[in-house]
Every structure is written in structure tokens, then in C-alpha cells.
């Protein structure tokens, strides 16, 4: 893992006590799901879902990948999707770049594919906007993590989901093209990173306790 990203995670891992108890309870449900799947030696599929699959759900997908590596939790694969496809938002991309990710656009269409590199040895994370049931995403035996209220309301049923849980975050899009734009995107990225690291820390603790 790149040192800048490692240091960012180390810093956030000291701030778990800032997460409200209600949020922790939601995150711990996901941690229990992951723990139970891993105890059965099954692959864990996590699908982060928001309306446009452009900001918060990509943050979720990326930080889930990072947190599983940070806490050395194997067998977790993270995806993202939306109720409609748009594009991975440039402001979200720039927030990740400021943390130390190297992000390369590998296709030039209206909805480009990006490679998100976080390590000199690991494969990059592939990101592009897609609907939640796109063929690239798992169709069964997955946990659906709803990162916005609108997606939660517009997806009354998700076929194949073993767990569905709402962890809605405020939409940084509200601050696009304002003086606060970068600050709000950085805060959104940091909140999702913090909470995702917390839930994987609980997976790590659960695994230790069950040895």
C-alpha cells in the first residue's frame, strides 16, 4: 500500500470513538455478515449502491478494498452500482487523488473506466458507473450496502442479496461548483473511509475471538 494511503488509514484508525453508536451498530451488522461468511470459507461479496454510482458508492467500493487489505482480511470482493448509470465523478476522483491514489482513465467514452492504484504490488481497482445488477456485479449471495436514502427508497427489492443495510451518507454533489466543493468531498471520502475501516476492524476482532 502506498505510504500516504497507509498513513491516512493509520490516522483514521485512531478516530473510531468519533463514530456515533447508532452508526457503529449498523457497521457491526456488516462485520458480522463478513465474519460469518469467512468462517465458512466463502467469498464475501459487498455491493455498495447509490443512485448514480458516481460518488459515495465508489468511495464505499474503494475503501472496502483498502480496509480489507489494511486489516489483512482475505476473501472479500467489493463492487458498486446505482439505480442508474452516469459516470465516476471527477470531484470524487480528485478527493481520492489528494489522499494518494493514482487514478488513470483507461477508456474515453461518456462513462469512462478508471483504474485506481493504491499499491505498487496490488492490481488496481477498476471503477466505472453501472447499475447495481450489471453483469459485472454478483447476482446472488452478496451484501447490499445502500449509501444513499434515494437508492434505498428506489430499490424495494434486491434479488440475490443475503443482507441489505442502509448506511446513507450526505451527498457531496450539493456543493459542486462552490467554494466548499473540495472540502466537502474530502470530508465525505474521509467519513466513508473511517466507517469502513471501523467495520473491518470489527471483522479482525471477531476473527481473533473465534480462534
C-alpha atoms as a PDB file:
ATOM      1  CA  UNK A   1       0.000   0.000   0.000  1.00  0.00           C
ATOM      2  CA  UNK A   2       1.339   3.451  -0.821  1.00  0.00           C
ATOM      3  CA  UNK A   3       2.768   5.112   2.275  1.00  0.00           C
ATOM      4  CA  UNK A   4       0.493   8.158   2.035  1.00  0.00           C
ATOM      5  CA  UNK A   5      -2.609   5.938   1.987  1.00  0.00           C
ATOM      6  CA  UNK A   6      -1.212   3.756   4.793  1.00  0.00           C
ATOM      7  CA  UNK A   7      -0.638   6.847   6.930  1.00  0.00           C
ATOM      8  CA  UNK A   8      -4.145   8.100   6.149  1.00  0.00           C
ATOM      9  CA  UNK A   9      -5.594   4.786   7.354  1.00  0.00           C
ATOM     10  CA  UNK A  10      -3.402   4.766  10.451  1.00  0.00           C
ATOM     11  CA  UNK A  11      -4.659   8.249  11.332  1.00  0.00           C
ATOM     12  CA  UNK A  12      -8.328   7.336  10.856  1.00  0.00           C
ATOM     13  CA  UNK A  13      -7.937   4.138  12.882  1.00  0.00           C
ATOM     14  CA  UNK A  14      -7.298   6.330  15.916  1.00  0.00           C
ATOM     15  CA  UNK A  15     -10.653   8.087  15.486  1.00  0.00           C
ATOM     16  CA  UNK A  16     -13.166   5.255  15.818  1.00  0.00           C
ATOM     17  CA  UNK A  17     -14.522   6.794  19.020  1.00  0.00           C
ATOM     18  CA  UNK A  18     -15.903   9.690  16.937  1.00  0.00           C
ATOM     19  CA  UNK A  19     -18.380   7.382  15.194  1.00  0.00           C
ATOM     20  CA  UNK A  20     -21.869   7.622  16.761  1.00  0.00           C
ATOM     21  CA  UNK A  21     -23.125   4.442  18.446  1.00  0.00           C
ATOM     22  CA  UNK A  22     -26.063   4.123  16.036  1.00  0.00           C
ATOM     23  CA  UNK A  23     -23.674   4.141  13.096  1.00  0.00           C
ATOM     24  CA  UNK A  24     -21.420   1.619  14.794  1.00  0.00           C
ATOM     25  CA  UNK A  25     -24.367  -0.739  15.258  1.00  0.00           C
ATOM     26  CA  UNK A  26     -25.100  -0.657  11.501  1.00  0.00           C
ATOM     27  CA  UNK A  27     -21.466  -1.210  10.610  1.00  0.00           C
ATOM     28  CA  UNK A  28     -21.179  -4.091  13.065  1.00  0.00           C
ATOM     29  CA  UNK A  29     -24.054  -5.873  11.283  1.00  0.00           C
ATOM     30  CA  UNK A  30     -21.951  -5.829   8.123  1.00  0.00           C
ATOM     31  CA  UNK A  31     -18.918  -7.013  10.107  1.00  0.00           C
ATOM     32  CA  UNK A  32     -20.895  -9.970  11.462  1.00  0.00           C
ATOM     33  CA  UNK A  33     -22.024 -10.872   7.937  1.00  0.00           C
ATOM     34  CA  UNK A  34     -18.418 -10.817   6.701  1.00  0.00           C
ATOM     35  CA  UNK A  35     -17.192 -12.806   9.700  1.00  0.00           C
ATOM     36  CA  UNK A  36     -19.824 -15.498   9.241  1.00  0.00           C
ATOM     37  CA  UNK A  37     -19.061 -15.890   5.541  1.00  0.00           C
ATOM     38  CA  UNK A  38     -15.315 -16.122   6.163  1.00  0.00           C
ATOM     39  CA  UNK A  39     -15.805 -18.719   8.924  1.00  0.00           C
ATOM     40  CA  UNK A  40     -17.486 -20.881   6.286  1.00  0.00           C
ATOM     41  CA  UNK A  41     -14.592 -20.197   3.870  1.00  0.00           C
ATOM     42  CA  UNK A  42     -16.959 -18.445   1.494  1.00  0.00           C
ATOM     43  CA  UNK A  43     -16.128 -15.421  -0.625  1.00  0.00           C
ATOM     44  CA  UNK A  44     -17.663 -12.216   0.681  1.00  0.00           C
ATOM     45  CA  UNK A  45     -19.285 -10.034  -1.990  1.00  0.00           C
ATOM     46  CA  UNK A  46     -20.124  -6.470  -0.969  1.00  0.00           C
ATOM     47  CA  UNK A  47     -22.066  -4.209  -3.339  1.00  0.00           C
ATOM     48  CA  UNK A  48     -22.169  -0.505  -2.465  1.00  0.00           C
ATOM     49  CA  UNK A  49     -25.232   1.117  -4.016  1.00  0.00           C
ATOM     50  CA  UNK A  50     -26.279   4.744  -4.517  1.00  0.00           C
ATOM     51  CA  UNK A  51     -28.441   6.463  -7.106  1.00  0.00           C
ATOM     52  CA  UNK A  52     -25.921   7.372  -9.807  1.00  0.00           C
ATOM     53  CA  UNK A  53     -22.926   5.220  -8.852  1.00  0.00           C
ATOM     54  CA  UNK A  54     -20.772   8.303  -9.187  1.00  0.00           C
ATOM     55  CA  UNK A  55     -19.571   9.343  -5.725  1.00  0.00           C
ATOM     56  CA  UNK A  56     -20.492   7.645  -2.437  1.00  0.00           C
ATOM     57  CA  UNK A  57     -20.827   4.111  -3.765  1.00  0.00           C
ATOM     58  CA  UNK A  58     -17.413   4.358  -5.421  1.00  0.00           C
ATOM     59  CA  UNK A  59     -15.942   5.626  -2.163  1.00  0.00           C
ATOM     60  CA  UNK A  60     -17.501   2.582  -0.474  1.00  0.00           C
ATOM     61  CA  UNK A  61     -16.157   0.134  -3.041  1.00  0.00           C
ATOM     62  CA  UNK A  62     -12.667   1.587  -2.930  1.00  0.00           C
ATOM     63  CA  UNK A  63     -12.403   1.916   0.844  1.00  0.00           C
ATOM     64  CA  UNK A  64     -13.744  -1.593   1.344  1.00  0.00           C
ATOM     65  CA  UNK A  65     -10.877  -2.836  -0.808  1.00  0.00           C
ATOM     66  CA  UNK A  66      -8.383  -0.753   1.142  1.00  0.00           C
ATOM     67  CA  UNK A  67      -9.765  -1.664   4.579  1.00  0.00           C
ATOM     68  CA  UNK A  68      -9.690  -5.393   3.838  1.00  0.00           C
ATOM     69  CA  UNK A  69      -6.019  -5.065   2.854  1.00  0.00           C
ATOM     70  CA  UNK A  70      -5.248  -2.814   5.843  1.00  0.00           C
ATOM     71  CA  UNK A  71      -6.642  -5.406   8.278  1.00  0.00           C
ATOM     72  CA  UNK A  72      -5.497  -8.409   6.206  1.00  0.00           C
ATOM     73  CA  UNK A  73      -8.992  -9.817   5.730  1.00  0.00           C
ATOM     74  CA  UNK A  74      -8.923 -12.188   2.776  1.00  0.00           C
ATOM     75  CA  UNK A  75     -11.758 -13.324   0.553  1.00  0.00           C
ATOM     76  CA  UNK A  76     -13.627 -10.005   0.329  1.00  0.00           C
ATOM     77  CA  UNK A  77     -14.550  -8.597  -3.090  1.00  0.00           C
ATOM     78  CA  UNK A  78     -16.183  -5.179  -3.320  1.00  0.00           C
ATOM     79  CA  UNK A  79     -18.371  -3.774  -6.065  1.00  0.00           C
ATOM     80  CA  UNK A  80     -20.550  -0.738  -6.652  1.00  0.00           C
ATOM     81  CA  UNK A  81     -23.654   0.146  -8.631  1.00  0.00           C
ATOM     82  CA  UNK A  82     -26.552   2.554  -8.901  1.00  0.00           C
ATOM     83  CA  UNK A  83     -30.202   2.704  -9.766  1.00  0.00           C
ATOM     84  CA  UNK A  84     -28.915   4.321 -12.974  1.00  0.00           C
ATOM     85  CA  UNK A  85     -25.503   4.653 -14.608  1.00  0.00           C
ATOM     86  CA  UNK A  86     -23.834   8.038 -15.097  1.00  0.00           C
ATOM     87  CA  UNK A  87     -20.057   8.389 -14.625  1.00  0.00           C
ATOM     88  CA  UNK A  88     -17.469   8.263 -11.848  1.00  0.00           C
ATOM     89  CA  UNK A  89     -17.496  11.905 -10.748  1.00  0.00           C
ATOM     90  CA  UNK A  90     -14.322  13.940 -11.246  1.00  0.00           C
ATOM     91  CA  UNK A  91     -14.649  15.629  -7.842  1.00  0.00           C
ATOM     92  CA  UNK A  92     -14.733  12.234  -6.118  1.00  0.00           C
ATOM     93  CA  UNK A  93     -11.737  11.149  -8.193  1.00  0.00           C
ATOM     94  CA  UNK A  94      -9.822  14.272  -7.188  1.00  0.00           C
ATOM     95  CA  UNK A  95     -10.599  13.690  -3.495  1.00  0.00           C
ATOM     96  CA  UNK A  96      -9.054  10.227  -3.773  1.00  0.00           C
ATOM     97  CA  UNK A  97      -6.036  11.614  -5.610  1.00  0.00           C
ATOM     98  CA  UNK A  98      -5.420  14.069  -2.772  1.00  0.00           C
ATOM     99  CA  UNK A  99      -5.125  11.098  -0.398  1.00  0.00           C
ATOM    100  CA  UNK A 100      -2.506   9.423  -2.572  1.00  0.00           C
ATOM    101  CA  UNK A 101      -4.375   7.182  -5.021  1.00  0.00           C
ATOM    102  CA  UNK A 102      -3.086   7.123  -8.577  1.00  0.00           C
ATOM    103  CA  UNK A 103      -6.130   7.127 -10.864  1.00  0.00           C
ATOM    104  CA  UNK A 104      -5.852   6.566 -14.589  1.00  0.00           C
ATOM    105  CA  UNK A 105      -8.620   6.834 -17.157  1.00  0.00           C
ATOM    106  CA  UNK A 106      -8.331   3.801 -19.442  1.00  0.00           C
ATOM    107  CA  UNK A 107     -11.299   4.492 -21.731  1.00  0.00           C
ATOM    108  CA  UNK A 108     -12.607   7.735 -23.179  1.00  0.00           C
ATOM    109  CA  UNK A 109     -16.314   7.123 -23.626  1.00  0.00           C
ATOM    110  CA  UNK A 110     -19.004   9.172 -21.848  1.00  0.00           C
ATOM    111  CA  UNK A 111     -18.851   6.748 -18.895  1.00  0.00           C
ATOM    112  CA  UNK A 112     -15.091   6.082 -18.681  1.00  0.00           C
ATOM    113  CA  UNK A 113     -13.374   3.196 -16.950  1.00  0.00           C
ATOM    114  CA  UNK A 114     -10.762   4.178 -14.369  1.00  0.00           C
ATOM    115  CA  UNK A 115      -8.001   2.193 -12.726  1.00  0.00           C
ATOM    116  CA  UNK A 116      -7.493   3.173  -9.094  1.00  0.00           C
ATOM    117  CA  UNK A 117      -3.997   2.249  -7.961  1.00  0.00           C
ATOM    118  CA  UNK A 118      -3.189   2.092  -4.241  1.00  0.00           C
ATOM    119  CA  UNK A 119      -0.133  -0.158  -4.129  1.00  0.00           C
ATOM    120  CA  UNK A 120       2.988  -0.988  -6.092  1.00  0.00           C
ATOM    121  CA  UNK A 121       2.200  -4.710  -5.860  1.00  0.00           C
ATOM    122  CA  UNK A 122      -1.623  -4.996  -5.943  1.00  0.00           C
ATOM    123  CA  UNK A 123      -3.794  -4.812  -9.034  1.00  0.00           C
ATOM    124  CA  UNK A 124      -5.681  -1.523  -9.450  1.00  0.00           C
ATOM    125  CA  UNK A 125      -9.357  -1.297  -8.587  1.00  0.00           C
ATOM    126  CA  UNK A 126     -11.474  -0.921 -11.720  1.00  0.00           C
ATOM    127  CA  UNK A 127     -14.178   1.711 -11.380  1.00  0.00           C
ATOM    128  CA  UNK A 128     -16.920   2.905 -13.683  1.00  0.00           C
ATOM    129  CA  UNK A 129     -20.572   3.784 -13.256  1.00  0.00           C
ATOM    130  CA  UNK A 130     -23.073   0.963 -13.684  1.00  0.00           C
ATOM    131  CA  UNK A 131     -26.477  -0.196 -12.477  1.00  0.00           C
ATOM    132  CA  UNK A 132     -26.420  -2.382  -9.382  1.00  0.00           C
ATOM    133  CA  UNK A 133     -27.438  -5.524 -11.291  1.00  0.00           C
ATOM    134  CA  UNK A 134     -24.891  -5.074 -14.067  1.00  0.00           C
ATOM    135  CA  UNK A 135     -23.404  -8.367 -15.241  1.00  0.00           C
ATOM    136  CA  UNK A 136     -20.041  -7.485 -13.669  1.00  0.00           C
ATOM    137  CA  UNK A 137     -21.635  -7.447 -10.201  1.00  0.00           C
ATOM    138  CA  UNK A 138     -22.676 -10.557  -8.250  1.00  0.00           C
ATOM    139  CA  UNK A 139     -26.247 -11.666  -8.828  1.00  0.00           C
ATOM    140  CA  UNK A 140     -26.592 -13.727  -5.660  1.00  0.00           C
ATOM    141  CA  UNK A 141     -25.002 -14.253  -2.231  1.00  0.00           C
ATOM    142  CA  UNK A 142     -23.979 -10.642  -1.662  1.00  0.00           C
ATOM    143  CA  UNK A 143     -24.497  -7.885   0.879  1.00  0.00           C
ATOM    144  CA  UNK A 144     -26.127  -4.716  -0.468  1.00  0.00           C
ATOM    145  CA  UNK A 145     -24.875  -1.612   1.334  1.00  0.00           C
ATOM    146  CA  UNK A 146     -27.092   1.358   0.476  1.00  0.00           C
ATOM    147  CA  UNK A 147     -25.036   4.533   0.669  1.00  0.00           C
ATOM    148  CA  UNK A 148     -27.886   6.972  -0.041  1.00  0.00           C
ATOM    149  CA  UNK A 149     -31.521   7.265   1.016  1.00  0.00           C
ATOM    150  CA  UNK A 150     -32.786   7.718  -2.546  1.00  0.00           C
ATOM    151  CA  UNK A 151     -31.322   4.401  -3.666  1.00  0.00           C
ATOM    152  CA  UNK A 152     -32.744   2.773  -0.540  1.00  0.00           C
ATOM    153  CA  UNK A 153     -36.220   4.035  -1.454  1.00  0.00           C
ATOM    154  CA  UNK A 154     -35.948   3.195  -5.161  1.00  0.00           C
ATOM    155  CA  UNK A 155     -34.722  -0.363  -4.642  1.00  0.00           C
ATOM    156  CA  UNK A 156     -37.584  -2.042  -2.767  1.00  0.00           C
ATOM    157  CA  UNK A 157     -36.196  -5.485  -3.611  1.00  0.00           C
ATOM    158  CA  UNK A 158     -32.702  -6.673  -4.497  1.00  0.00           C
ATOM    159  CA  UNK A 159     -32.738 -10.197  -5.873  1.00  0.00           C
ATOM    160  CA  UNK A 160     -29.941 -12.350  -4.520  1.00  0.00           C
ATOM    161  CA  UNK A 161     -28.986 -10.137  -1.586  1.00  0.00           C
ATOM    162  CA  UNK A 162     -28.325 -12.017   1.651  1.00  0.00           C
ATOM    163  CA  UNK A 163     -28.061  -8.782   3.605  1.00  0.00           C
ATOM    164  CA  UNK A 164     -29.384  -5.334   2.836  1.00  0.00           C
ATOM    165  CA  UNK A 165     -28.428  -2.464   5.079  1.00  0.00           C
ATOM    166  CA  UNK A 166     -28.694   1.311   4.786  1.00  0.00           C
ATOM    167  CA  UNK A 167     -25.660   3.415   5.711  1.00  0.00           C
ATOM    168  CA  UNK A 168     -26.736   6.638   3.994  1.00  0.00           C
ATOM    169  CA  UNK A 169     -24.235   9.477   3.663  1.00  0.00           C
ATOM    170  CA  UNK A 170     -24.847  13.116   2.750  1.00  0.00           C
ATOM    171  CA  UNK A 171     -24.368  13.751  -0.970  1.00  0.00           C
ATOM    172  CA  UNK A 172     -21.312  15.930  -1.665  1.00  0.00           C
ATOM    173  CA  UNK A 173     -22.874  16.774  -5.040  1.00  0.00           C
ATOM    174  CA  UNK A 174     -24.809  19.543  -3.264  1.00  0.00           C
ATOM    175  CA  UNK A 175     -21.544  21.500  -3.069  1.00  0.00           C
ATOM    176  CA  UNK A 176     -20.405  21.082  -6.676  1.00  0.00           C
ATOM    177  CA  UNK A 177     -19.055  24.317  -8.167  1.00  0.00           C
ATOM    178  CA  UNK A 178     -18.938  26.097  -4.814  1.00  0.00           C
ATOM    179  CA  UNK A 179     -16.055  27.364  -2.708  1.00  0.00           C
ATOM    180  CA  UNK A 180     -16.592  24.425  -0.341  1.00  0.00           C
ATOM    181  CA  UNK A 181     -16.532  21.746  -3.046  1.00  0.00           C
ATOM    182  CA  UNK A 182     -13.128  20.168  -2.327  1.00  0.00           C
ATOM    183  CA  UNK A 183     -13.544  20.406   1.448  1.00  0.00           C
ATOM    184  CA  UNK A 184     -16.918  18.631   1.377  1.00  0.00           C
ATOM    185  CA  UNK A 185     -15.681  15.893  -0.962  1.00  0.00           C
ATOM    186  CA  UNK A 186     -12.674  15.329   1.281  1.00  0.00           C
ATOM    187  CA  UNK A 187     -14.978  15.076   4.306  1.00  0.00           C
ATOM    188  CA  UNK A 188     -17.321  12.659   2.531  1.00  0.00           C
ATOM    189  CA  UNK A 189     -14.421  10.465   1.470  1.00  0.00           C
ATOM    190  CA  UNK A 190     -12.966  10.573   4.984  1.00  0.00           C
ATOM    191  CA  UNK A 191     -16.265   9.634   6.674  1.00  0.00           C
ATOM    192  CA  UNK A 192     -16.771   6.634   4.427  1.00  0.00           C
ATOM    193  CA  UNK A 193     -13.133   5.613   4.887  1.00  0.00           C
ATOM    194  CA  UNK A 194     -13.393   5.934   8.672  1.00  0.00           C
ATOM    195  CA  UNK A 195     -16.568   3.864   8.933  1.00  0.00           C
ATOM    196  CA  UNK A 196     -15.336   1.218   6.513  1.00  0.00           C
ATOM    197  CA  UNK A 197     -12.087   0.855   8.410  1.00  0.00           C
ATOM    198  CA  UNK A 198     -14.097   0.524  11.619  1.00  0.00           C
ATOM    199  CA  UNK A 199     -16.254  -2.303  10.299  1.00  0.00           C
ATOM    200  CA  UNK A 200     -13.207  -4.211   9.058  1.00  0.00           C
ATOM    201  CA  UNK A 201     -11.501  -3.679  12.412  1.00  0.00           C
ATOM    202  CA  UNK A 202     -14.503  -5.452  13.931  1.00  0.00           C
ATOM    203  CA  UNK A 203     -14.097  -8.302  11.445  1.00  0.00           C
ATOM    204  CA  UNK A 204     -10.469  -8.583  12.546  1.00  0.00           C
ATOM    205  CA  UNK A 205     -11.503  -8.645  16.214  1.00  0.00           C
ATOM    206  CA  UNK A 206     -14.267 -11.174  15.555  1.00  0.00           C
ATOM    207  CA  UNK A 207     -11.807 -13.430  13.773  1.00  0.00           C
ATOM    208  CA  UNK A 208      -9.302 -13.244  16.653  1.00  0.00           C
ATOM    209  CA  UNK A 209     -12.017 -14.003  19.203  1.00  0.00           C
ATOM    210  CA  UNK A 210     -13.113 -17.089  17.303  1.00  0.00           C
ATOM    211  CA  UNK A 211      -9.648 -18.626  17.013  1.00  0.00           C
END
